[in-house]
Amino acid sequence: MTNQSTTPAAVSVPSTLAADSDIEILPALPAGKEWLGVPEDITLPKQLEFEPVLLRGGRGQVTAMKQRAFIRVLAETGRVSLAAKATGNTLAAFYYLRNQPQGKSFARAWARALDFGVGRVLDILVDHAMNGTPEYIYQNGELVGERRRFDHRLMMWLVAHNQPEKYAVSGGLMHAVNEGAAGAARMKRLKKEWELEYQAKRSKWHKPVDVEAVKAEIIRKAELMQRPEMIQIANDPKKRAAWELLNGPRDWSEFERYQHR
């Protein structure tokens, strides 16, 4: 699969913007002199060019050069927090610029830079699908080997996502998503089928309850628990009279067989 996005070409930028594609390390805050120069020192591909947001401010101002650096790092990493960190400014400062009336061009460049980042994620997914992800084998605390685990579901998703007309399951979710109005109708039908399937499973999990049978079972168990006490009361005329005074008359004959045991 070929990614349609074009990764920005490598250029000379402040050392704090250098990114390692394999190991993510938050760059240190830049020294003031590293930002000396003109904004064009931070080169961007044509798709990411924008008009910087120029606001009057003092110390900590997000300069045009830092705005370009933010967009550059965002395109390379897809991470807004890392891009802000690389400039030495807070992420809130860049959100503030994006929301300014004159920040529309900056906002568009931000969105396109995120698209570059998504392309990078897809490249990583393809690499994992084709080459697997490493699993390290340890024995007695020492690394003794490595094996590769391949995710077949990821492979199927990538193929179906990029060539749905050829590899997506006919009539399935992927086709429904890519077929416009017809797909919307199919999604509605699939949703109804899923709901019916769920209700069928739910009816097996939650069978109707016979309330009277449950009540009878509770009473039976309660009487079994009370039986030893009732036998003692039945053997003592005074206790029996006191019990009937509180609870009413009762047939004690059912306890007679236990009286001499």
Protein backbone atom coordinates (compact mmCIF):
# COMPACT_ATOMS: atom_id res chain seq x y z
CA MET A 1 0.00 0.00 0.00
CA THR A 2 1.37 3.43 -0.88
CA ASN A 3 0.61 6.33 1.41
CA GLN A 4 -0.70 9.30 -0.58
CA SER A 5 0.63 11.88 1.91
CA THR A 6 4.07 13.33 1.28
CA THR A 7 6.34 13.49 4.29
CA PRO A 8 8.06 16.87 4.69
CA ALA A 9 11.63 16.80 3.39
CA ALA A 10 14.42 16.87 5.91
CA VAL A 11 15.73 20.38 6.50
CA SER A 12 18.01 22.12 8.93
CA VAL A 13 15.98 23.14 11.98
CA PRO A 14 16.84 24.03 15.59
CA SER A 15 18.34 21.08 17.43
CA THR A 16 15.31 20.92 19.72
CA LEU A 17 13.12 19.98 16.75
CA ALA A 18 15.14 16.94 15.73
CA ALA A 19 12.93 13.86 15.99
CA ASP A 20 13.93 10.23 16.29
CA SER A 21 11.47 8.06 14.36
CA ASP A 22 12.05 5.06 16.58
CA ILE A 23 12.47 6.50 20.07
CA GLU A 24 10.23 9.32 21.26
CA ILE A 25 12.14 11.77 23.42
CA LEU A 26 10.55 15.03 24.50
CA PRO A 27 12.97 17.73 23.34
CA ALA A 28 14.46 20.13 25.83
CA LEU A 29 13.17 23.66 26.00
CA PRO A 30 15.09 25.72 23.44
CA ALA A 31 17.59 28.37 24.40
CA GLY A 32 16.69 31.84 23.23
CA LYS A 33 19.42 32.11 20.61
CA GLU A 34 18.23 28.96 18.85
CA TRP A 35 15.21 30.91 17.62
CA LEU A 36 17.22 33.72 16.10
CA GLY A 37 16.63 34.07 12.38
CA VAL A 38 13.66 34.42 10.08
CA PRO A 39 10.53 32.19 9.98
CA GLU A 40 11.52 30.80 6.57
CA ASP A 41 14.46 29.07 8.26
CA ILE A 42 11.85 26.47 9.24
CA THR A 43 10.97 25.11 5.81
CA LEU A 44 7.59 23.53 5.16
CA PRO A 45 6.14 21.70 2.16
CA LYS A 46 3.80 23.77 0.02
CA GLN A 47 0.70 22.08 1.46
CA LEU A 48 1.58 23.28 4.96
CA GLU A 49 2.42 26.90 4.20
CA PHE A 50 0.26 29.41 6.09
CA GLU A 51 0.01 33.01 7.21
CA PRO A 52 1.30 33.26 10.79
CA VAL A 53 -0.86 34.79 13.50
CA LEU A 54 0.88 37.97 14.59
CA LEU A 55 -0.27 39.23 17.98
CA ARG A 56 1.30 41.96 20.02
CA GLY A 57 2.84 40.53 23.16
CA GLY A 58 5.89 40.42 25.32
CA ARG A 59 7.91 37.59 26.76
CA GLY A 60 6.68 34.11 25.80
CA GLN A 61 5.06 35.31 22.59
CA VAL A 62 4.48 32.62 19.98
CA THR A 63 6.50 34.03 17.11
CA ALA A 64 5.99 33.23 13.44
CA MET A 65 9.09 31.03 13.55
CA LYS A 66 7.71 29.02 16.46
CA GLN A 67 4.36 28.66 14.71
CA ARG A 68 6.12 27.16 11.69
CA ALA A 69 8.16 24.89 13.95
CA PHE A 70 4.94 23.73 15.63
CA ILE A 71 3.37 22.82 12.28
CA ARG A 72 6.58 21.09 11.17
CA VAL A 73 6.87 18.87 14.25
CA LEU A 74 3.12 18.18 14.22
CA ALA A 75 3.38 16.91 10.64
CA GLU A 76 6.33 14.70 11.56
CA THR A 77 4.87 13.21 14.73
CA GLY A 78 1.09 13.75 14.69
CA ARG A 79 1.30 14.84 18.35
CA VAL A 80 0.21 18.34 19.29
CA SER A 81 1.69 18.11 22.79
CA LEU A 82 5.12 17.17 21.41
CA ALA A 83 4.94 19.93 18.80
CA ALA A 84 4.17 22.54 21.45
CA LYS A 85 6.91 21.19 23.73
CA ALA A 86 9.45 21.52 20.91
CA THR A 87 8.82 25.26 20.70
CA GLY A 88 9.00 25.95 24.41
CA ASN A 89 5.41 27.24 24.49
CA THR A 90 2.30 25.72 26.03
CA LEU A 91 -0.26 23.87 23.94
CA ALA A 92 -2.89 26.32 25.20
CA ALA A 93 -0.99 29.14 23.49
CA PHE A 94 -1.32 27.44 20.10
CA TYR A 95 -5.01 26.70 20.62
CA TYR A 96 -5.43 30.38 21.43
CA LEU A 97 -3.77 31.34 18.13
CA ARG A 98 -5.86 28.87 16.16
CA ASN A 99 -9.09 30.35 17.54
CA GLN A 100 -8.19 33.95 16.66
CA PRO A 101 -10.09 35.64 13.78
CA GLN A 102 -6.81 35.90 11.84
CA GLY A 103 -5.90 32.29 12.67
CA LYS A 104 -7.85 30.55 9.89
CA SER A 105 -4.77 29.94 7.76
CA PHE A 106 -2.92 28.55 10.79
CA ALA A 107 -5.90 26.31 11.60
CA ARG A 108 -5.92 24.89 8.06
CA ALA A 109 -2.20 24.16 8.24
CA TRP A 110 -2.78 22.49 11.63
CA ALA A 111 -5.43 20.19 10.12
CA ARG A 112 -3.23 19.30 7.14
CA ALA A 113 -0.29 18.61 9.46
CA LEU A 114 -2.45 16.16 11.39
CA ASP A 115 -3.21 14.43 8.07
CA PHE A 116 0.53 13.96 7.61
CA GLY A 117 0.64 12.42 11.09
CA VAL A 118 -2.18 10.02 10.24
CA GLY A 119 -0.24 8.96 7.16
CA ARG A 120 2.71 8.17 9.42
CA VAL A 121 0.46 6.04 11.62
CA LEU A 122 -0.72 4.11 8.55
CA ASP A 123 2.89 3.55 7.52
CA ILE A 124 3.62 2.10 10.96
CA LEU A 125 0.54 -0.14 10.77
CA VAL A 126 1.61 -1.47 7.38
CA ASP A 127 5.10 -2.11 8.71
CA HIS A 128 3.68 -4.02 11.69
CA ALA A 129 1.34 -6.01 9.44
CA MET A 130 4.12 -7.04 7.05
CA ASN A 131 7.02 -7.49 9.47
CA GLY A 132 5.18 -8.30 12.69
CA THR A 133 5.85 -6.88 16.12
CA PRO A 134 8.78 -8.17 18.17
CA GLU A 135 8.31 -10.30 21.27
CA TYR A 136 11.42 -10.76 23.38
CA ILE A 137 12.16 -14.08 25.07
CA TYR A 138 13.86 -14.01 28.44
CA GLN A 139 15.35 -16.88 30.43
CA ASN A 140 16.65 -16.41 33.95
CA GLY A 141 16.42 -12.67 33.48
CA GLU A 142 18.51 -12.64 30.28
CA LEU A 143 17.38 -11.94 26.74
CA VAL A 144 17.84 -15.19 24.79
CA GLY A 145 15.79 -14.63 21.66
CA GLU A 146 13.20 -12.74 19.70
CA ARG A 147 10.18 -13.77 17.68
CA ARG A 148 7.72 -11.88 15.51
CA ARG A 149 3.97 -11.89 16.09
CA PHE A 150 1.76 -11.15 13.10
CA ASP A 151 -1.70 -9.63 13.53
CA HIS A 152 -3.90 -11.19 10.86
CA ARG A 153 -6.88 -9.03 11.81
CA LEU A 154 -4.77 -5.95 11.16
CA MET A 155 -3.75 -7.36 7.78
CA MET A 156 -7.38 -8.01 6.85
CA TRP A 157 -8.41 -4.51 7.94
CA LEU A 158 -5.67 -2.82 5.90
CA VAL A 159 -6.47 -4.79 2.76
CA ALA A 160 -10.24 -4.31 3.10
CA HIS A 161 -9.85 -0.62 3.94
CA ASN A 162 -7.67 0.16 0.94
CA GLN A 163 -9.31 -2.13 -1.62
CA PRO A 164 -12.91 -2.53 -0.39
CA GLU A 165 -14.31 -3.26 -3.85
CA LYS A 166 -12.08 -6.33 -4.10
CA TYR A 167 -11.43 -7.61 -0.59
CA ALA A 168 -14.15 -6.28 1.71
CA VAL A 169 -16.78 -8.79 2.83
CA SER A 170 -19.72 -8.54 0.45
CA GLY A 171 -22.70 -6.93 2.13
CA GLY A 172 -20.71 -6.26 5.27
CA LEU A 173 -19.84 -3.19 7.25
CA MET A 174 -16.97 -2.00 5.04
CA HIS A 175 -19.20 -1.93 1.94
CA ALA A 176 -21.96 -0.18 3.86
CA VAL A 177 -19.60 2.59 4.88
CA ASN A 178 -18.37 3.19 1.32
CA GLU A 179 -21.66 3.11 -0.62
CA GLY A 180 -23.26 6.48 0.12
CA ALA A 181 -27.07 6.43 0.32
CA ALA A 182 -27.24 2.74 -0.50
CA GLY A 183 -24.70 2.11 2.22
CA ALA A 184 -26.78 4.10 4.70
CA ALA A 185 -29.80 1.89 3.98
CA ARG A 186 -27.64 -1.20 4.38
CA MET A 187 -26.27 0.11 7.66
CA LYS A 188 -29.84 0.59 8.89
CA ARG A 189 -30.68 -2.99 7.95
CA LEU A 190 -27.53 -4.32 9.60
CA LYS A 191 -28.28 -2.35 12.75
CA LYS A 192 -31.77 -3.88 12.91
CA GLU A 193 -30.28 -7.36 12.47
CA TRP A 194 -27.77 -6.69 15.26
CA GLU A 195 -30.55 -5.49 17.57
CA LEU A 196 -32.65 -8.60 16.88
CA GLU A 197 -29.64 -10.81 17.51
CA TYR A 198 -28.92 -8.99 20.77
CA GLN A 199 -32.53 -9.31 21.94
CA ALA A 200 -32.48 -13.04 21.15
CA LYS A 201 -29.33 -13.51 23.24
CA ARG A 202 -30.69 -11.31 26.01
CA SER A 203 -33.88 -13.39 26.24
CA LYS A 204 -31.70 -16.45 26.94
CA TRP A 205 -29.76 -14.60 29.63
CA HIS A 206 -32.88 -13.20 31.33
CA LYS A 207 -35.61 -15.84 31.43
CA PRO A 208 -39.08 -14.89 32.81
CA VAL A 209 -39.27 -15.22 36.59
CA ASP A 210 -42.13 -17.03 38.40
CA VAL A 211 -42.62 -14.60 41.29
CA GLU A 212 -44.93 -16.88 43.27
CA ALA A 213 -42.52 -19.80 43.00
CA VAL A 214 -39.68 -17.61 44.24
CA LYS A 215 -41.78 -16.40 47.20
CA ALA A 216 -42.72 -19.97 48.10
CA GLU A 217 -39.08 -21.05 47.99
CA ILE A 218 -38.04 -18.16 50.25
CA ILE A 219 -40.75 -19.03 52.78
CA ARG A 220 -39.74 -22.70 52.73
CA LYS A 221 -36.10 -21.87 53.41
CA ALA A 222 -37.04 -19.43 56.16
CA GLU A 223 -39.14 -22.10 57.87
CA LEU A 224 -36.26 -24.57 57.68
CA MET A 225 -34.00 -22.03 59.35
CA GLN A 226 -36.58 -21.41 62.11
CA ARG A 227 -37.38 -25.09 62.74
CA PRO A 228 -34.89 -25.67 65.61
CA GLU A 229 -36.25 -22.63 67.45
CA MET A 230 -39.87 -23.64 66.82
CA ILE A 231 -39.20 -27.15 68.18
CA GLN A 232 -37.93 -25.65 71.44
CA ILE A 233 -41.00 -23.42 71.69
CA ALA A 234 -43.33 -26.35 70.96
CA ASN A 235 -41.80 -28.32 73.87
CA ASP A 236 -42.42 -25.49 76.36
CA PRO A 237 -46.12 -24.60 77.05
CA LYS A 238 -45.16 -21.14 78.38
CA LYS A 239 -43.08 -20.28 75.32
CA ARG A 240 -45.79 -21.63 73.07
CA ALA A 241 -48.42 -19.44 74.76
CA ALA A 242 -46.17 -16.39 74.47
CA TRP A 243 -45.52 -17.07 70.78
CA GLU A 244 -49.27 -17.36 70.04
CA LEU A 245 -49.89 -14.16 71.97
CA LEU A 246 -47.56 -12.32 69.59
CA ASN A 247 -48.23 -14.17 66.33
CA GLY A 248 -51.64 -15.79 66.69
CA PRO A 249 -52.79 -19.42 66.97
CA ARG A 250 -50.65 -22.11 65.36
CA ASP A 251 -50.88 -25.84 64.80
CA TRP A 252 -47.93 -27.31 66.71
CA SER A 253 -48.55 -30.90 65.65
CA GLU A 254 -45.92 -30.72 62.91
CA PHE A 255 -43.26 -30.37 65.62
CA GLU A 256 -44.53 -33.21 67.85
CA ARG A 257 -42.38 -35.80 66.09
CA TYR A 258 -39.28 -33.87 67.17
CA GLN A 259 -40.28 -33.51 70.84
CA HIS A 260 -38.66 -36.67 72.15
CA ARG A 261 -35.53 -36.63 69.98
